[in-house]
Amino acid sequence: MNDIYTWHNDLYPLVKKRFDLRYAKRLDAINQVCGVVCQDDIDYRIEGIGGYGEMPVYDGTTVMGADTKRTFITTITPKEHALKVTSTYKKAKLDYSGESQKIGTRLADSAYMTVLNEFYRLFGSAFTNIGSDGVAWASDKHPVSKDSKETFSNIMHENLSVASITKAQTMASRFVTPDGLPFACNFDLLLVSPELEAKAKEICGPGSRLIPENNPDTDTNAANPVYGMKYLVVGGGNAGFSGKQWAVADSLMLSEVLKLVYITKPTVLVSPQDNPLITDYIGYVDFAFGFGDARPIIFSNPN
């Protein structure tokens, strides 16, 4: 790297490679529960869970048309985020690989934490953030459909336990879709605050096949009905679940209605300045999260 006029372009491929590798390794948690969408449109629309209802009997002549207007539509609008790091010719010349590694790694971590914090905030605001059906994501008054006066609840106020998880699973089994069909679900994912991670390990971990019976006069154990359930911490710092907050979800269906939408995935750009001895490397991402239905998740916010 001897050319003072091209050094920033020589360094860029190494910065970009380090950035991409670092970011990709850190997305596992979000990818467990979110469907990821990449598009070039300003907005993304999510249709709530539901189909066309039960098929009517065919009379041999007339085929009935499907009603597709019962579900709520959620619109997600990504926003741009950017941050620059300034490097100098001297730094790059003295430590070519070290400078590229530092810039790529730190910008990737900044991009990742920007996305992760938004992910956490989505869950932290579940009890207040209004969805397309007119109530919070966690609410006891969700309309079943656009044209229905019936409501359902996806919120509890119980402490985390095996019994409260199974109670939530039973609640979900009674949900109906906007087209009037039973909500076929498998609530296989536990979402917890950092404070409840130890409890989640106790319930879901490798040693959780048996749980103590509720009878204090016996030392026998019972089979854990939620053994094998996965868990995920959705909180950190000042964002996300806190204290005793938790939720249980159908991970497959949740990814259908909870979306991470990118117009531009996290990347790094090079922007030379007028001074050839200085250049900027800019981390950039254009994204947003959104949810389109409350049925795949039941929240608990104990008093």
C-alpha atoms as a PDB file:
ATOM      1  CA  MET A   1       0.000   0.000   0.000  1.00  0.00           C
ATOM      2  CA  ASN A   2       2.281   2.717  -1.242  1.00  0.00           C
ATOM      3  CA  ASP A   3       0.013   4.886  -3.399  1.00  0.00           C
ATOM      4  CA  ILE A   4      -1.159   7.832  -1.321  1.00  0.00           C
ATOM      5  CA  TYR A   5      -4.032   8.460  -3.732  1.00  0.00           C
ATOM      6  CA  THR A   6      -5.538   4.946  -3.751  1.00  0.00           C
ATOM      7  CA  TRP A   7      -4.860   3.652  -0.240  1.00  0.00           C
ATOM      8  CA  HIS A   8      -8.485   4.056   0.873  1.00  0.00           C
ATOM      9  CA  ASN A   9      -9.673   1.828  -1.984  1.00  0.00           C
ATOM     10  CA  ASP A  10      -6.955  -0.728  -1.209  1.00  0.00           C
ATOM     11  CA  LEU A  11      -8.121  -0.892   2.405  1.00  0.00           C
ATOM     12  CA  TYR A  12     -11.844  -1.020   1.607  1.00  0.00           C
ATOM     13  CA  PRO A  13     -12.158  -4.710   0.499  1.00  0.00           C
ATOM     14  CA  LEU A  14     -10.609  -5.851   3.788  1.00  0.00           C
ATOM     15  CA  VAL A  15     -12.898  -3.578   5.830  1.00  0.00           C
ATOM     16  CA  LYS A  16     -15.954  -4.807   3.901  1.00  0.00           C
ATOM     17  CA  LYS A  17     -15.031  -8.480   4.286  1.00  0.00           C
ATOM     18  CA  ARG A  18     -14.484  -8.115   8.017  1.00  0.00           C
ATOM     19  CA  PHE A  19     -17.758  -6.188   8.365  1.00  0.00           C
ATOM     20  CA  ASP A  20     -19.825  -8.817   6.494  1.00  0.00           C
ATOM     21  CA  LEU A  21     -18.355 -11.769   8.394  1.00  0.00           C
ATOM     22  CA  ARG A  22     -18.805 -10.123  11.765  1.00  0.00           C
ATOM     23  CA  TYR A  23     -22.419  -9.089  11.140  1.00  0.00           C
ATOM     24  CA  ALA A  24     -23.474 -12.474   9.756  1.00  0.00           C
ATOM     25  CA  LYS A  25     -22.215 -14.277  12.865  1.00  0.00           C
ATOM     26  CA  ARG A  26     -24.308 -12.158  15.207  1.00  0.00           C
ATOM     27  CA  LEU A  27     -27.773 -12.476  13.636  1.00  0.00           C
ATOM     28  CA  ASP A  28     -28.724 -15.871  15.071  1.00  0.00           C
ATOM     29  CA  ALA A  29     -31.016 -14.593  17.840  1.00  0.00           C
ATOM     30  CA  ILE A  30     -33.092 -12.383  15.554  1.00  0.00           C
ATOM     31  CA  ASN A  31     -33.331 -15.022  12.835  1.00  0.00           C
ATOM     32  CA  GLN A  32     -34.897 -17.471  15.314  1.00  0.00           C
ATOM     33  CA  VAL A  33     -38.120 -15.465  15.506  1.00  0.00           C
ATOM     34  CA  CYS A  34     -38.181 -13.020  12.577  1.00  0.00           C
ATOM     35  CA  GLY A  35     -38.860 -13.473   8.932  1.00  0.00           C
ATOM     36  CA  VAL A  36     -36.284 -11.439   6.998  1.00  0.00           C
ATOM     37  CA  VAL A  37     -37.404  -9.495   3.926  1.00  0.00           C
ATOM     38  CA  CYS A  38     -35.181  -7.621   1.464  1.00  0.00           C
ATOM     39  CA  GLN A  39     -36.914  -5.288  -0.957  1.00  0.00           C
ATOM     40  CA  ASP A  40     -36.573  -2.043  -2.909  1.00  0.00           C
ATOM     41  CA  ASP A  41     -40.012  -0.595  -2.070  1.00  0.00           C
ATOM     42  CA  ILE A  42     -40.595   2.175   0.463  1.00  0.00           C
ATOM     43  CA  ASP A  43     -43.138   0.141   2.460  1.00  0.00           C
ATOM     44  CA  TYR A  44     -43.774  -3.514   3.229  1.00  0.00           C
ATOM     45  CA  ARG A  45     -47.252  -4.868   3.981  1.00  0.00           C
ATOM     46  CA  ILE A  46     -47.944  -7.801   6.305  1.00  0.00           C
ATOM     47  CA  GLU A  47     -51.285  -9.579   6.149  1.00  0.00           C
ATOM     48  CA  GLY A  48     -52.503 -11.090   9.408  1.00  0.00           C
ATOM     49  CA  ILE A  49     -52.869 -14.830   9.931  1.00  0.00           C
ATOM     50  CA  GLY A  50     -55.884 -16.378   8.263  1.00  0.00           C
ATOM     51  CA  GLY A  51     -56.936 -18.145   5.128  1.00  0.00           C
ATOM     52  CA  TYR A  52     -60.129 -18.446   3.134  1.00  0.00           C
ATOM     53  CA  GLY A  53     -62.192 -20.314   5.687  1.00  0.00           C
ATOM     54  CA  GLU A  54     -63.713 -23.768   5.489  1.00  0.00           C
ATOM     55  CA  MET A  55     -64.571 -24.936   1.980  1.00  0.00           C
ATOM     56  CA  PRO A  56     -68.333 -25.034   1.323  1.00  0.00           C
ATOM     57  CA  VAL A  57     -70.003 -28.044  -0.216  1.00  0.00           C
ATOM     58  CA  TYR A  58     -69.789 -27.938  -4.014  1.00  0.00           C
ATOM     59  CA  ASP A  59     -73.165 -28.300  -5.708  1.00  0.00           C
ATOM     60  CA  GLY A  60     -71.713 -29.339  -9.029  1.00  0.00           C
ATOM     61  CA  THR A  61     -72.325 -25.954 -10.627  1.00  0.00           C
ATOM     62  CA  THR A  62     -71.238 -22.951  -8.574  1.00  0.00           C
ATOM     63  CA  VAL A  63     -67.827 -22.530  -6.932  1.00  0.00           C
ATOM     64  CA  MET A  64     -67.992 -20.009  -4.113  1.00  0.00           C
ATOM     65  CA  GLY A  65     -65.414 -17.198  -4.058  1.00  0.00           C
ATOM     66  CA  ALA A  66     -63.014 -16.737  -1.142  1.00  0.00           C
ATOM     67  CA  ASP A  67     -63.357 -13.809   1.273  1.00  0.00           C
ATOM     68  CA  THR A  68     -59.924 -12.207   1.667  1.00  0.00           C
ATOM     69  CA  LYS A  69     -60.933  -9.003   3.460  1.00  0.00           C
ATOM     70  CA  ARG A  70     -61.130 -10.119   7.089  1.00  0.00           C
ATOM     71  CA  THR A  71     -57.484  -9.766   8.119  1.00  0.00           C
ATOM     72  CA  PHE A  72     -55.726  -6.598   9.253  1.00  0.00           C
ATOM     73  CA  ILE A  73     -52.873  -5.171   7.179  1.00  0.00           C
ATOM     74  CA  THR A  74     -49.692  -3.819   8.795  1.00  0.00           C
ATOM     75  CA  THR A  75     -47.392  -1.423   6.923  1.00  0.00           C
ATOM     76  CA  ILE A  76     -43.671  -1.369   7.787  1.00  0.00           C
ATOM     77  CA  THR A  77     -41.545   1.579   6.643  1.00  0.00           C
ATOM     78  CA  PRO A  78     -37.770   1.124   6.980  1.00  0.00           C
ATOM     79  CA  LYS A  79     -35.539   3.985   8.167  1.00  0.00           C
ATOM     80  CA  GLU A  80     -31.934   4.778   7.295  1.00  0.00           C
ATOM     81  CA  HIS A  81     -29.124   4.573   9.875  1.00  0.00           C
ATOM     82  CA  ALA A  82     -25.524   5.603   9.212  1.00  0.00           C
ATOM     83  CA  LEU A  83     -22.258   6.141  11.103  1.00  0.00           C
ATOM     84  CA  LYS A  84     -18.816   7.112   9.826  1.00  0.00           C
ATOM     85  CA  VAL A  85     -15.305   6.236  11.028  1.00  0.00           C
ATOM     86  CA  THR A  86     -12.422   8.402   9.836  1.00  0.00           C
ATOM     87  CA  SER A  87      -9.086   6.765   9.039  1.00  0.00           C
ATOM     88  CA  THR A  88      -5.757   8.254   8.011  1.00  0.00           C
ATOM     89  CA  TYR A  89      -3.107   7.249   5.532  1.00  0.00           C
ATOM     90  CA  LYS A  90      -0.543   6.936   8.309  1.00  0.00           C
ATOM     91  CA  LYS A  91      -2.670   4.542  10.419  1.00  0.00           C
ATOM     92  CA  ALA A  92      -3.373   2.353   7.412  1.00  0.00           C
ATOM     93  CA  LYS A  93       0.262   2.316   6.291  1.00  0.00           C
ATOM     94  CA  LEU A  94       1.621   1.398   9.725  1.00  0.00           C
ATOM     95  CA  ASP A  95      -0.966  -1.352  10.430  1.00  0.00           C
ATOM     96  CA  TYR A  96      -2.785  -2.269   7.225  1.00  0.00           C
ATOM     97  CA  SER A  97      -4.533  -5.440   8.436  1.00  0.00           C
ATOM     98  CA  GLY A  98      -5.104  -4.143  11.966  1.00  0.00           C
ATOM     99  CA  GLU A  99      -6.771  -0.935  10.793  1.00  0.00           C
ATOM    100  CA  SER A 100      -9.091  -2.773   8.407  1.00  0.00           C
ATOM    101  CA  GLN A 101     -10.023  -5.322  11.084  1.00  0.00           C
ATOM    102  CA  LYS A 102     -10.748  -2.641  13.678  1.00  0.00           C
ATOM    103  CA  ILE A 103     -12.924  -0.516  11.384  1.00  0.00           C
ATOM    104  CA  GLY A 104     -14.820  -3.478   9.905  1.00  0.00           C
ATOM    105  CA  THR A 105     -15.432  -5.117  13.273  1.00  0.00           C
ATOM    106  CA  ARG A 106     -16.537  -1.995  15.117  1.00  0.00           C
ATOM    107  CA  LEU A 107     -18.834  -0.769  12.356  1.00  0.00           C
ATOM    108  CA  ALA A 108     -20.394  -4.241  12.079  1.00  0.00           C
ATOM    109  CA  ASP A 109     -20.963  -4.334  15.841  1.00  0.00           C
ATOM    110  CA  SER A 110     -22.555  -0.891  15.688  1.00  0.00           C
ATOM    111  CA  ALA A 111     -24.856  -1.998  12.858  1.00  0.00           C
ATOM    112  CA  TYR A 112     -25.761  -5.202  14.678  1.00  0.00           C
ATOM    113  CA  MET A 113     -26.519  -3.446  17.956  1.00  0.00           C
ATOM    114  CA  THR A 114     -28.656  -0.890  16.107  1.00  0.00           C
ATOM    115  CA  VAL A 115     -30.782  -3.703  14.679  1.00  0.00           C
ATOM    116  CA  LEU A 116     -30.757  -5.704  17.933  1.00  0.00           C
ATOM    117  CA  ASN A 117     -31.840  -2.739  20.042  1.00  0.00           C
ATOM    118  CA  GLU A 118     -34.798  -2.141  17.717  1.00  0.00           C
ATOM    119  CA  PHE A 119     -35.651  -5.835  18.043  1.00  0.00           C
ATOM    120  CA  TYR A 120     -35.559  -5.556  21.844  1.00  0.00           C
ATOM    121  CA  ARG A 121     -37.599  -2.333  21.815  1.00  0.00           C
ATOM    122  CA  LEU A 122     -40.307  -4.058  19.797  1.00  0.00           C
ATOM    123  CA  PHE A 123     -40.815  -6.543  22.640  1.00  0.00           C
ATOM    124  CA  GLY A 124     -40.338  -3.953  25.376  1.00  0.00           C
ATOM    125  CA  SER A 125     -43.128  -1.834  23.878  1.00  0.00           C
ATOM    126  CA  ALA A 126     -45.459  -4.797  23.229  1.00  0.00           C
ATOM    127  CA  PHE A 127     -47.742  -3.645  26.055  1.00  0.00           C
ATOM    128  CA  THR A 128     -48.092  -0.103  24.653  1.00  0.00           C
ATOM    129  CA  ASN A 129     -47.229  -0.121  20.924  1.00  0.00           C
ATOM    130  CA  ILE A 130     -50.490  -0.058  18.924  1.00  0.00           C
ATOM    131  CA  GLY A 131     -50.819  -2.520  16.067  1.00  0.00           C
ATOM    132  CA  SER A 132     -52.954  -2.511  12.929  1.00  0.00           C
ATOM    133  CA  ASP A 133     -55.961  -3.916  14.839  1.00  0.00           C
ATOM    134  CA  GLY A 134     -56.104  -0.801  17.034  1.00  0.00           C
ATOM    135  CA  VAL A 135     -54.732  -2.250  20.293  1.00  0.00           C
ATOM    136  CA  ALA A 136     -51.291  -3.079  21.697  1.00  0.00           C
ATOM    137  CA  TRP A 137     -49.472  -6.205  20.542  1.00  0.00           C
ATOM    138  CA  ALA A 138     -50.104  -7.595  24.052  1.00  0.00           C
ATOM    139  CA  SER A 139     -53.778  -6.927  24.786  1.00  0.00           C
ATOM    140  CA  ASP A 140     -56.941  -8.571  26.108  1.00  0.00           C
ATOM    141  CA  LYS A 141     -59.102  -6.891  23.433  1.00  0.00           C
ATOM    142  CA  HIS A 142     -57.806  -8.003  20.028  1.00  0.00           C
ATOM    143  CA  PRO A 143     -60.594  -8.059  17.425  1.00  0.00           C
ATOM    144  CA  VAL A 144     -60.877 -11.530  15.908  1.00  0.00           C
ATOM    145  CA  SER A 145     -61.275  -9.954  12.453  1.00  0.00           C
ATOM    146  CA  LYS A 146     -62.093  -6.661  10.776  1.00  0.00           C
ATOM    147  CA  ASP A 147     -65.805  -7.399  10.699  1.00  0.00           C
ATOM    148  CA  SER A 148     -66.145  -9.133  14.081  1.00  0.00           C
ATOM    149  CA  LYS A 149     -67.173  -7.760  17.461  1.00  0.00           C
ATOM    150  CA  GLU A 150     -65.613 -10.756  19.179  1.00  0.00           C
ATOM    151  CA  THR A 151     -62.228 -10.290  20.831  1.00  0.00           C
ATOM    152  CA  PHE A 152     -59.440 -12.475  22.180  1.00  0.00           C
ATOM    153  CA  SER A 153     -56.663 -11.950  24.724  1.00  0.00           C
ATOM    154  CA  ASN A 154     -52.971 -12.706  24.313  1.00  0.00           C
ATOM    155  CA  ILE A 155     -51.867 -11.328  27.675  1.00  0.00           C
ATOM    156  CA  MET A 156     -51.509 -12.859  31.124  1.00  0.00           C
ATOM    157  CA  HIS A 157     -50.288 -11.551  34.474  1.00  0.00           C
ATOM    158  CA  GLU A 158     -48.639 -14.671  35.898  1.00  0.00           C
ATOM    159  CA  ASN A 159     -45.095 -15.404  36.988  1.00  0.00           C
ATOM    160  CA  LEU A 160     -43.049 -17.701  34.783  1.00  0.00           C
ATOM    161  CA  SER A 161     -43.551 -21.380  35.597  1.00  0.00           C
ATOM    162  CA  VAL A 162     -44.313 -24.639  33.834  1.00  0.00           C
ATOM    163  CA  ALA A 163     -47.952 -24.270  34.880  1.00  0.00           C
ATOM    164  CA  SER A 164     -48.255 -20.742  33.480  1.00  0.00           C
ATOM    165  CA  ILE A 165     -46.663 -21.828  30.182  1.00  0.00           C
ATOM    166  CA  THR A 166     -49.140 -24.677  29.774  1.00  0.00           C
ATOM    167  CA  LYS A 167     -51.958 -22.275  30.667  1.00  0.00           C
ATOM    168  CA  ALA A 168     -50.820 -19.991  27.842  1.00  0.00           C
ATOM    169  CA  GLN A 169     -50.677 -22.928  25.457  1.00  0.00           C
ATOM    170  CA  THR A 170     -54.259 -23.808  26.374  1.00  0.00           C
ATOM    171  CA  MET A 171     -55.341 -20.197  25.780  1.00  0.00           C
ATOM    172  CA  ALA A 172     -53.825 -20.292  22.307  1.00  0.00           C
ATOM    173  CA  SER A 173     -55.576 -23.542  21.433  1.00  0.00           C
ATOM    174  CA  ARG A 174     -58.903 -21.713  21.747  1.00  0.00           C
ATOM    175  CA  PHE A 175     -57.992 -18.906  19.342  1.00  0.00           C
ATOM    176  CA  VAL A 176     -59.760 -18.754  15.992  1.00  0.00           C
ATOM    177  CA  THR A 177     -58.446 -17.187  12.791  1.00  0.00           C
ATOM    178  CA  PRO A 178     -60.218 -14.270  11.071  1.00  0.00           C
ATOM    179  CA  ASP A 179     -61.869 -16.753   8.701  1.00  0.00           C
ATOM    180  CA  GLY A 180     -63.372 -18.666  11.627  1.00  0.00           C
ATOM    181  CA  LEU A 181     -61.096 -21.722  11.712  1.00  0.00           C
ATOM    182  CA  PRO A 182     -59.297 -23.118  14.783  1.00  0.00           C
ATOM    183  CA  PHE A 183     -55.856 -21.647  15.270  1.00  0.00           C
ATOM    184  CA  ALA A 184     -53.582 -24.668  14.809  1.00  0.00           C
ATOM    185  CA  CYS A 185     -50.434 -23.830  16.750  1.00  0.00           C
ATOM    186  CA  ASN A 186     -47.377 -25.247  18.469  1.00  0.00           C
ATOM    187  CA  PHE A 187     -46.127 -22.885  21.170  1.00  0.00           C
ATOM    188  CA  ASP A 188     -42.531 -24.093  21.255  1.00  0.00           C
ATOM    189  CA  LEU A 189     -40.540 -20.926  22.082  1.00  0.00           C
ATOM    190  CA  LEU A 190     -40.126 -19.164  25.427  1.00  0.00           C
ATOM    191  CA  LEU A 191     -39.077 -15.498  25.368  1.00  0.00           C
ATOM    192  CA  VAL A 192     -37.767 -14.017  28.607  1.00  0.00           C
ATOM    193  CA  SER A 193     -36.172 -10.994  30.213  1.00  0.00           C
ATOM    194  CA  PRO A 194     -32.498 -11.201  31.261  1.00  0.00           C
ATOM    195  CA  GLU A 195     -33.687 -11.524  34.850  1.00  0.00           C
ATOM    196  CA  LEU A 196     -35.606 -14.704  33.966  1.00  0.00           C
ATOM    197  CA  GLU A 197     -32.865 -16.436  31.985  1.00  0.00           C
ATOM    198  CA  ALA A 198     -31.916 -18.702  34.898  1.00  0.00           C
ATOM    199  CA  LYS A 199     -35.567 -19.711  35.310  1.00  0.00           C
ATOM    200  CA  ALA A 200     -35.840 -20.364  31.566  1.00  0.00           C
ATOM    201  CA  LYS A 201     -32.791 -22.665  31.744  1.00  0.00           C
ATOM    202  CA  GLU A 202     -34.389 -24.486  34.655  1.00  0.00           C
ATOM    203  CA  ILE A 203     -37.585 -25.046  32.653  1.00  0.00           C
ATOM    204  CA  CYS A 204     -36.089 -25.689  29.198  1.00  0.00           C
ATOM    205  CA  GLY A 205     -32.562 -26.917  29.888  1.00  0.00           C
ATOM    206  CA  PRO A 206     -31.151 -30.442  29.484  1.00  0.00           C
ATOM    207  CA  GLY A 207     -31.916 -31.333  33.099  1.00  0.00           C
ATOM    208  CA  SER A 208     -35.595 -30.347  32.912  1.00  0.00           C
ATOM    209  CA  ARG A 209     -37.209 -33.647  31.881  1.00  0.00           C
ATOM    210  CA  LEU A 210     -38.737 -33.930  35.366  1.00  0.00           C
ATOM    211  CA  ILE A 211     -40.233 -31.266  37.605  1.00  0.00           C
ATOM    212  CA  PRO A 212     -41.086 -31.550  41.318  1.00  0.00           C
ATOM    213  CA  GLU A 213     -44.679 -32.476  42.102  1.00  0.00           C
ATOM    214  CA  ASN A 214     -46.726 -29.791  43.841  1.00  0.00           C
ATOM    215  CA  ASN A 215     -47.407 -32.122  46.765  1.00  0.00           C
ATOM    216  CA  PRO A 216     -45.013 -31.172  49.613  1.00  0.00           C
ATOM    217  CA  ASP A 217     -45.493 -34.594  51.256  1.00  0.00           C
ATOM    218  CA  THR A 218     -43.756 -36.482  48.452  1.00  0.00           C
ATOM    219  CA  ASP A 219     -40.318 -36.300  46.863  1.00  0.00           C
ATOM    220  CA  THR A 220     -41.478 -37.733  43.535  1.00  0.00           C
ATOM    221  CA  ASN A 221     -41.192 -35.856  40.264  1.00  0.00           C
ATOM    222  CA  ALA A 222     -43.515 -35.475  37.294  1.00  0.00           C
ATOM    223  CA  ALA A 223     -42.704 -35.313  33.605  1.00  0.00           C
ATOM    224  CA  ASN A 224     -42.132 -31.761  32.400  1.00  0.00           C
ATOM    225  CA  PRO A 225     -44.822 -31.113  29.753  1.00  0.00           C
ATOM    226  CA  VAL A 226     -42.772 -28.332  28.115  1.00  0.00           C
ATOM    227  CA  TYR A 227     -39.465 -30.190  28.055  1.00  0.00           C
ATOM    228  CA  GLY A 228     -37.579 -29.465  24.837  1.00  0.00           C
ATOM    229  CA  MET A 229     -38.981 -25.950  24.441  1.00  0.00           C
ATOM    230  CA  LYS A 230     -36.425 -23.431  23.166  1.00  0.00           C
ATOM    231  CA  TYR A 231     -35.875 -20.146  24.951  1.00  0.00           C
ATOM    232  CA  LEU A 232     -34.535 -16.751  23.897  1.00  0.00           C
ATOM    233  CA  VAL A 233     -33.625 -13.671  25.935  1.00  0.00           C
ATOM    234  CA  VAL A 234     -35.235 -10.573  24.390  1.00  0.00           C
ATOM    235  CA  GLY A 235     -33.771  -7.792  26.467  1.00  0.00           C
ATOM    236  CA  GLY A 236     -30.516  -6.067  27.315  1.00  0.00           C
ATOM    237  CA  GLY A 237     -29.397  -2.715  28.629  1.00  0.00           C
ATOM    238  CA  ASN A 238     -32.481  -0.512  28.866  1.00  0.00           C
ATOM    239  CA  ALA A 239     -34.395  -2.203  26.038  1.00  0.00           C
ATOM    240  CA  GLY A 240     -36.698  -5.197  25.738  1.00  0.00           C
ATOM    241  CA  PHE A 241     -38.335  -7.351  28.391  1.00  0.00           C
ATOM    242  CA  SER A 242     -37.406  -6.537  31.974  1.00  0.00           C
ATOM    243  CA  GLY A 243     -38.115  -7.893  35.430  1.00  0.00           C
ATOM    244  CA  LYS A 244     -40.737 -10.648  35.377  1.00  0.00           C
ATOM    245  CA  GLN A 245     -41.905 -10.139  31.773  1.00  0.00           C
ATOM    246  CA  TRP A 246     -42.000 -13.166  29.472  1.00  0.00           C
ATOM    247  CA  ALA A 247     -43.872 -14.616  26.512  1.00  0.00           C
ATOM    248  CA  VAL A 248     -44.445 -17.931  24.780  1.00  0.00           C
ATOM    249  CA  ALA A 249     -44.829 -18.273  21.011  1.00  0.00           C
ATOM    250  CA  ASP A 250     -45.199 -20.513  18.006  1.00  0.00           C
ATOM    251  CA  SER A 251     -41.785 -19.890  16.435  1.00  0.00           C
ATOM    252  CA  LEU A 252     -42.865 -20.874  12.908  1.00  0.00           C
ATOM    253  CA  MET A 253     -46.004 -18.722  12.855  1.00  0.00           C
ATOM    254  CA  LEU A 254     -44.284 -15.859  14.660  1.00  0.00           C
ATOM    255  CA  SER A 255     -41.758 -15.606  11.827  1.00  0.00           C
ATOM    256  CA  GLU A 256     -44.689 -15.263   9.407  1.00  0.00           C
ATOM    257  CA  VAL A 257     -46.078 -12.177  11.164  1.00  0.00           C
ATOM    258  CA  LEU A 258     -42.939 -10.665  12.748  1.00  0.00           C
ATOM    259  CA  LYS A 259     -40.709  -9.210  10.044  1.00  0.00           C
ATOM    260  CA  LEU A 260     -37.315  -7.572   9.793  1.00  0.00           C
ATOM    261  CA  VAL A 261     -37.526  -5.575   6.569  1.00  0.00           C
ATOM    262  CA  TYR A 262     -34.389  -4.295   4.834  1.00  0.00           C
ATOM    263  CA  ILE A 263     -34.233  -1.892   1.934  1.00  0.00           C
ATOM    264  CA  THR A 264     -30.460  -2.095   2.361  1.00  0.00           C
ATOM    265  CA  LYS A 265     -28.818  -4.719   4.561  1.00  0.00           C
ATOM    266  CA  PRO A 266     -25.974  -3.521   6.787  1.00  0.00           C
ATOM    267  CA  THR A 267     -22.977  -2.588   4.693  1.00  0.00           C
ATOM    268  CA  VAL A 268     -19.911  -0.367   4.739  1.00  0.00           C
ATOM    269  CA  LEU A 269     -19.067   2.302   2.164  1.00  0.00           C
ATOM    270  CA  VAL A 270     -15.882   4.248   1.482  1.00  0.00           C
ATOM    271  CA  SER A 271     -16.024   8.019   1.105  1.00  0.00           C
ATOM    272  CA  PRO A 272     -12.685   9.776   0.359  1.00  0.00           C
ATOM    273  CA  GLN A 273     -12.315  13.375   1.519  1.00  0.00           C
ATOM    274  CA  ASP A 274     -10.690  16.285  -0.342  1.00  0.00           C
ATOM    275  CA  ASN A 275      -7.597  15.644   1.721  1.00  0.00           C
ATOM    276  CA  PRO A 276      -5.999  12.454   0.284  1.00  0.00           C
ATOM    277  CA  LEU A 277      -4.540  11.609   3.697  1.00  0.00           C
ATOM    278  CA  ILE A 278      -8.003  11.173   5.274  1.00  0.00           C
ATOM    279  CA  THR A 279     -10.972   9.008   4.328  1.00  0.00           C
ATOM    280  CA  ASP A 280     -14.302   7.984   5.872  1.00  0.00           C
ATOM    281  CA  TYR A 281     -15.727   4.465   6.099  1.00  0.00           C
ATOM    282  CA  ILE A 282     -19.488   4.630   6.577  1.00  0.00           C
ATOM    283  CA  GLY A 283     -21.621   1.911   8.127  1.00  0.00           C
ATOM    284  CA  TYR A 284     -25.135   1.996   6.706  1.00  0.00           C
ATOM    285  CA  VAL A 285     -28.409   0.079   7.103  1.00  0.00           C
ATOM    286  CA  ASP A 286     -32.006   0.822   6.049  1.00  0.00           C
ATOM    287  CA  PHE A 287     -34.459  -1.345   8.028  1.00  0.00           C
ATOM    288  CA  ALA A 288     -37.484  -1.648  10.326  1.00  0.00           C
ATOM    289  CA  PHE A 289     -39.359  -4.269  12.346  1.00  0.00           C
ATOM    290  CA  GLY A 290     -43.087  -4.817  12.436  1.00  0.00           C
ATOM    291  CA  PHE A 291     -45.720  -7.333  13.570  1.00  0.00           C
ATOM    292  CA  GLY A 292     -48.925  -8.273  11.785  1.00  0.00           C
ATOM    293  CA  ASP A 293     -50.881 -10.530  14.160  1.00  0.00           C
ATOM    294  CA  ALA A 294     -51.123 -11.260  17.884  1.00  0.00           C
ATOM    295  CA  ARG A 295     -52.182 -14.913  17.795  1.00  0.00           C
ATOM    296  CA  PRO A 296     -48.721 -16.568  17.530  1.00  0.00           C
ATOM    297  CA  ILE A 297     -47.538 -15.090  20.847  1.00  0.00           C
ATOM    298  CA  ILE A 298     -48.922 -14.762  24.382  1.00  0.00           C
ATOM    299  CA  PHE A 299     -47.281 -12.253  26.714  1.00  0.00           C
ATOM    300  CA  SER A 300     -47.164 -12.190  30.498  1.00  0.00           C
ATOM    301  CA  ASN A 301     -46.630  -9.026  32.498  1.00  0.00           C
ATOM    302  CA  PRO A 302     -46.904  -9.998  36.197  1.00  0.00           C
ATOM    303  CA  ASN A 303     -47.951  -7.318  38.638  1.00  0.00           C
END
